[in-house]
Amino acid sequence: MINRPFRLPQRLLTVVALTITIAISGCQKTPDASNTQTDTDIQASSQNNTQNSNQPSDTQLPQTTSTTNPAEQQAPLTILALGDSLTEGLGVDNNANYPAQLQTRLQELGYKDIKVINSGLSGETSTGLVNRLDWVLQTKPDVTILTIGANDAIRGIDVKTVEANIRTAVKRLQDNDSVVILGGMQIYDNLGSDYVKSFAAIYPRVAKDLNVTLIPFFLDGVGGDPKLNQADAIHPTKEGYALIVNNNILPILQPELKKINPSNVTNTPTETAQ
């Protein structure tokens, strides 16, 4: 008799296999839903952590506040020196003419952010000056020191024409919001006393009518002094211009600058030497 191995029926084997599988699965720990994070959750958590680390705490917030008053912000001022060779500085170095010396003195006196532009032109007449106003007004001057007329007088140009031109120049400058300081001129008697008197009277009359500040005589204390003028006896030397700046221009200019922008002075300007 041959002994055959004992075998379970196929159907019973299948049932046993399924039972073992289910038993193994039941032994594994079920994940806690509260501890489960998707990729999106992880990304969001990372972003929150980054934001929290960058967010300053109350102790990290700036404790100081700005003390700058917008009204104290300094705006630059432009002074236009407009005229003929007396303004240009014919015969002296570029740093010796009156606009250059005026710039230096204003800085020494404590004024800041002020620029002096030299727009003097040798041989300029009042008519020529009027014709180039459109060009010079591109500088947008806050103050204009206007000194013109000497070359007109040398040529004997009619006083009425000179005055009309000066009035036109002053009005144009004022219309462009520039404060005008008019430099008065006087001439020698070679053209006769009537012309000399009529010419000298132009400047105070224009200043009064158009409400501008007047330097009574631009060359006061310098004109006619051989020690302060070049060989032509017309144009000042460096020393002559220094006196004009300190004695004739600054005492008139400083009050105007204070009216325009009092805060443009770093330190209280000292009184100019007389």
Protein backbone atom coordinates (compact mmCIF):
# COMPACT_ATOMS: atom_id res chain seq x y z
CA MET A 1 0.00 0.00 0.00
CA ILE A 2 1.58 3.32 -0.94
CA ASN A 3 1.35 6.15 1.55
CA ARG A 4 0.38 9.50 -0.07
CA PRO A 5 1.16 12.88 1.55
CA PHE A 6 -1.70 14.58 3.28
CA ARG A 7 -2.84 17.70 1.37
CA LEU A 8 -5.47 20.23 2.31
CA PRO A 9 -8.04 20.99 -0.26
CA GLN A 10 -7.18 24.02 -2.48
CA ARG A 11 -10.16 25.97 -1.29
CA LEU A 12 -9.12 25.58 2.33
CA LEU A 13 -5.56 26.79 1.53
CA THR A 14 -6.91 30.00 0.02
CA VAL A 15 -9.00 30.69 3.13
CA VAL A 16 -6.00 30.17 5.41
CA ALA A 17 -3.80 32.57 3.34
CA LEU A 18 -6.40 35.31 3.51
CA THR A 19 -6.77 34.87 7.24
CA ILE A 20 -3.00 35.29 7.82
CA THR A 21 -2.86 38.44 5.65
CA ILE A 22 -5.70 40.07 7.54
CA ALA A 23 -4.06 39.19 10.84
CA ILE A 24 -0.74 40.80 9.83
CA SER A 25 -2.47 43.95 8.62
CA GLY A 26 -4.33 44.28 11.89
CA CYS A 27 -1.05 44.27 13.84
CA GLN A 28 0.27 47.44 12.08
CA LYS A 29 -0.28 50.83 13.86
CA THR A 30 -2.96 52.96 12.31
CA PRO A 31 -1.56 56.41 11.42
CA ASP A 32 -2.84 59.30 13.54
CA ALA A 33 -4.68 61.68 11.30
CA SER A 34 -3.63 64.57 13.49
CA ASN A 35 0.06 63.80 12.79
CA THR A 36 -0.35 63.38 9.04
CA GLN A 37 0.87 66.25 6.77
CA THR A 38 0.57 66.53 3.06
CA ASP A 39 3.24 68.27 0.95
CA THR A 40 1.05 71.36 0.96
CA ASP A 41 0.79 71.33 4.76
CA ILE A 42 4.54 71.01 5.12
CA GLN A 43 5.14 73.91 2.70
CA ALA A 44 2.66 76.12 4.51
CA SER A 45 4.25 75.30 7.86
CA SER A 46 7.70 76.13 6.52
CA GLN A 47 6.50 79.48 5.21
CA ASN A 48 4.89 80.34 8.54
CA ASN A 49 8.08 79.49 10.38
CA THR A 50 10.11 81.68 8.01
CA GLN A 51 7.73 84.61 8.43
CA ASN A 52 7.78 84.27 12.19
CA SER A 53 11.57 84.25 12.26
CA ASN A 54 11.70 87.46 10.17
CA GLN A 55 9.04 89.27 12.13
CA PRO A 56 10.74 91.51 14.72
CA SER A 57 9.58 91.25 18.27
CA ASP A 58 8.38 94.29 20.20
CA THR A 59 11.88 94.81 21.54
CA GLN A 60 13.31 94.80 18.02
CA LEU A 61 11.05 97.54 16.67
CA PRO A 62 12.81 100.86 16.16
CA GLN A 63 12.36 103.03 19.20
CA THR A 64 13.53 106.29 17.60
CA THR A 65 11.48 108.57 15.43
CA SER A 66 12.68 110.97 12.75
CA THR A 67 13.33 114.47 14.03
CA THR A 68 13.68 115.98 10.57
CA ASN A 69 11.19 118.72 9.92
CA PRO A 70 10.24 118.92 6.23
CA ALA A 71 10.32 122.70 6.57
CA GLU A 72 14.01 122.45 7.45
CA GLN A 73 14.98 120.72 4.21
CA GLN A 74 17.34 123.03 2.42
CA ALA A 75 16.60 124.11 -1.11
CA PRO A 76 19.49 125.55 -3.11
CA LEU A 77 19.35 129.24 -4.01
CA THR A 78 20.64 130.62 -7.29
CA ILE A 79 21.98 134.15 -7.54
CA LEU A 80 22.37 135.47 -11.06
CA ALA A 81 25.00 138.17 -11.54
CA LEU A 82 23.76 139.84 -14.71
CA GLY A 83 25.48 142.67 -16.52
CA ASP A 84 28.43 143.80 -18.57
CA SER A 85 32.22 143.65 -18.14
CA LEU A 86 31.97 144.98 -14.57
CA THR A 87 30.15 141.76 -13.76
CA GLU A 88 32.18 139.48 -16.00
CA GLY A 89 35.40 140.70 -14.39
CA LEU A 90 37.34 141.88 -17.43
CA GLY A 91 41.07 141.87 -16.72
CA VAL A 92 41.04 139.76 -13.53
CA ASP A 93 41.30 136.05 -12.87
CA ASN A 94 38.14 133.94 -12.82
CA ASN A 95 38.27 133.65 -9.05
CA ALA A 96 38.73 137.41 -8.60
CA ASN A 97 35.60 138.80 -10.29
CA TYR A 98 32.77 139.86 -8.03
CA PRO A 99 30.47 136.83 -8.60
CA ALA A 100 33.29 134.45 -7.63
CA GLN A 101 34.24 136.49 -4.58
CA LEU A 102 30.59 136.79 -3.59
CA GLN A 103 30.20 133.00 -3.70
CA THR A 104 33.23 132.60 -1.44
CA ARG A 105 32.09 135.24 1.04
CA LEU A 106 28.59 133.79 1.32
CA GLN A 107 30.07 130.40 2.18
CA GLU A 108 32.39 131.99 4.73
CA LEU A 109 29.44 133.77 6.31
CA GLY A 110 27.60 130.51 6.87
CA TYR A 111 25.25 130.41 3.90
CA LYS A 112 24.82 126.97 2.36
CA ASP A 113 23.44 125.66 -0.91
CA ILE A 114 23.87 129.00 -2.67
CA LYS A 115 25.20 129.19 -6.20
CA VAL A 116 26.32 132.44 -7.84
CA ILE A 117 26.23 132.41 -11.65
CA ASN A 118 28.35 134.89 -13.57
CA SER A 119 26.35 136.14 -16.55
CA GLY A 120 28.40 139.22 -17.31
CA LEU A 121 29.27 140.00 -20.91
CA SER A 122 31.92 142.51 -21.91
CA GLY A 123 30.59 145.32 -24.06
CA GLU A 124 26.98 144.51 -23.16
CA THR A 125 24.42 147.30 -23.54
CA SER A 126 20.95 147.42 -22.04
CA THR A 127 19.48 146.48 -25.42
CA GLY A 128 21.77 143.47 -25.78
CA LEU A 129 20.91 142.33 -22.27
CA VAL A 130 17.18 142.43 -22.98
CA ASN A 131 17.75 140.36 -26.10
CA ARG A 132 19.43 137.54 -24.17
CA LEU A 133 17.00 137.40 -21.25
CA ASP A 134 15.33 134.24 -22.54
CA TRP A 135 18.68 132.50 -22.38
CA VAL A 136 19.75 133.66 -18.92
CA LEU A 137 16.34 132.97 -17.42
CA GLN A 138 16.97 129.27 -17.99
CA THR A 139 19.10 129.45 -14.84
CA LYS A 140 15.88 130.09 -12.86
CA PRO A 141 17.50 132.64 -10.54
CA ASP A 142 16.05 133.24 -7.09
CA VAL A 143 17.93 136.56 -6.92
CA THR A 144 19.33 138.64 -9.74
CA ILE A 145 21.92 141.38 -9.24
CA LEU A 146 21.41 143.54 -12.31
CA THR A 147 24.17 146.00 -13.21
CA ILE A 148 23.85 147.49 -16.67
CA GLY A 149 24.04 150.82 -18.45
CA ALA A 150 27.68 151.86 -18.36
CA ASN A 151 28.31 150.93 -22.00
CA ASP A 152 25.12 152.75 -23.03
CA ALA A 153 26.44 155.89 -21.37
CA ILE A 154 29.85 155.56 -23.04
CA ARG A 155 28.03 155.46 -26.39
CA GLY A 156 25.79 158.35 -25.43
CA ILE A 157 22.61 156.30 -25.96
CA ASP A 158 19.43 158.21 -25.18
CA VAL A 159 18.57 158.03 -21.47
CA LYS A 160 14.94 157.15 -22.20
CA THR A 161 16.03 154.10 -24.21
CA VAL A 162 18.34 152.94 -21.43
CA GLU A 163 15.62 153.32 -18.83
CA ALA A 164 13.04 151.51 -20.96
CA ASN A 165 15.43 148.58 -21.40
CA ILE A 166 16.22 148.37 -17.69
CA ARG A 167 12.52 148.43 -16.85
CA THR A 168 11.88 145.63 -19.34
CA ALA A 169 14.68 143.54 -17.85
CA VAL A 170 13.48 144.05 -14.28
CA LYS A 171 9.88 143.17 -15.14
CA ARG A 172 10.89 140.05 -17.04
CA LEU A 173 13.00 138.88 -14.12
CA GLN A 174 10.21 139.58 -11.66
CA ASP A 175 7.71 137.75 -13.83
CA ASN A 176 9.99 134.74 -13.53
CA ASP A 177 9.94 134.94 -9.73
CA SER A 178 13.40 136.41 -9.33
CA VAL A 179 14.10 139.00 -6.65
CA VAL A 180 15.92 141.85 -8.37
CA ILE A 181 18.68 143.94 -6.84
CA LEU A 182 19.50 146.85 -9.13
CA GLY A 183 23.05 148.19 -9.18
CA GLY A 184 23.04 151.94 -9.69
CA MET A 185 25.57 153.48 -12.06
CA GLN A 186 27.14 156.91 -12.41
CA ILE A 187 29.31 158.23 -15.22
CA TYR A 188 31.95 160.86 -15.83
CA ASP A 189 31.03 164.35 -16.95
CA ASN A 190 32.38 163.95 -20.48
CA LEU A 191 28.84 163.86 -21.92
CA GLY A 192 27.67 166.98 -20.15
CA SER A 193 26.08 167.54 -16.76
CA ASP A 194 22.51 167.16 -18.02
CA TYR A 195 23.15 163.69 -19.43
CA VAL A 196 25.09 162.67 -16.30
CA LYS A 197 22.28 163.74 -13.98
CA SER A 198 19.56 162.21 -16.14
CA PHE A 199 21.48 158.94 -16.40
CA ALA A 200 22.10 158.69 -12.64
CA ALA A 201 18.41 159.33 -11.96
CA ILE A 202 17.35 156.22 -13.91
CA TYR A 203 18.21 153.76 -11.18
CA PRO A 204 16.44 155.16 -8.10
CA ARG A 205 13.38 155.91 -10.23
CA VAL A 206 13.17 152.36 -11.62
CA ALA A 207 13.81 150.88 -8.18
CA LYS A 208 10.98 152.91 -6.68
CA ASP A 209 8.50 152.32 -9.48
CA LEU A 210 9.13 148.56 -9.72
CA ASN A 211 9.71 147.98 -6.03
CA VAL A 212 13.22 146.57 -6.27
CA THR A 213 16.14 146.92 -3.89
CA LEU A 214 18.77 149.40 -5.01
CA ILE A 215 22.52 149.50 -4.58
CA PRO A 216 22.80 153.31 -4.91
CA PHE A 217 26.18 153.19 -6.68
CA PHE A 218 27.64 149.81 -7.56
CA LEU A 219 31.22 151.16 -7.68
CA ASP A 220 30.95 153.27 -4.53
CA GLY A 221 34.32 153.56 -2.79
CA VAL A 222 36.12 151.97 -5.73
CA GLY A 223 35.32 154.01 -8.85
CA GLY A 224 37.95 156.67 -9.54
CA ASP A 225 40.51 155.20 -7.12
CA PRO A 226 43.68 154.28 -9.05
CA LYS A 227 44.73 151.79 -6.36
CA LEU A 228 41.52 149.78 -6.77
CA ASN A 229 41.19 149.93 -10.55
CA GLN A 230 43.13 148.54 -13.48
CA ALA A 231 45.12 150.69 -15.87
CA ASP A 232 41.99 151.58 -17.87
CA ALA A 233 40.61 153.37 -14.77
CA ILE A 234 37.26 151.65 -15.39
CA HIS A 235 37.47 148.04 -14.29
CA PRO A 236 38.21 147.14 -10.65
CA THR A 237 41.11 145.00 -9.51
CA LYS A 238 40.67 141.94 -7.32
CA GLU A 239 40.96 144.18 -4.27
CA GLY A 240 38.44 146.60 -5.72
CA TYR A 241 35.93 143.80 -6.28
CA ALA A 242 36.46 142.59 -2.71
CA LEU A 243 35.38 146.00 -1.41
CA ILE A 244 32.38 146.03 -3.75
CA VAL A 245 31.28 142.63 -2.47
CA ASN A 246 31.73 143.40 1.22
CA ASN A 247 30.65 147.03 1.33
CA ASN A 248 28.16 147.48 -1.50
CA ILE A 249 26.56 144.11 -2.27
CA LEU A 250 26.37 142.03 0.92
CA PRO A 251 24.65 144.67 3.09
CA ILE A 252 21.88 144.80 0.48
CA LEU A 253 21.85 141.11 -0.44
CA GLN A 254 21.80 139.53 3.03
CA PRO A 255 18.39 140.91 4.07
CA GLU A 256 16.91 139.68 0.80
CA LEU A 257 18.30 136.20 1.33
CA LYS A 258 16.81 136.12 4.80
CA LYS A 259 13.40 136.99 3.39
CA ILE A 260 13.58 134.25 0.78
CA ASN A 261 14.81 131.39 2.97
CA PRO A 262 15.87 132.10 6.57
CA SER A 263 16.90 128.47 7.10
CA ASN A 264 19.51 128.65 4.34
CA VAL A 265 22.02 129.86 6.88
CA THR A 266 23.99 127.22 8.76
CA ASN A 267 25.34 129.66 11.28
CA THR A 268 24.22 133.20 11.98
CA PRO A 269 26.14 135.27 9.44
CA THR A 270 28.52 137.79 10.93
CA GLU A 271 28.17 141.42 10.00
CA THR A 272 30.14 142.33 6.93
CA ALA A 273 33.17 144.52 7.38
CA GLN A 274 32.62 148.13 6.57
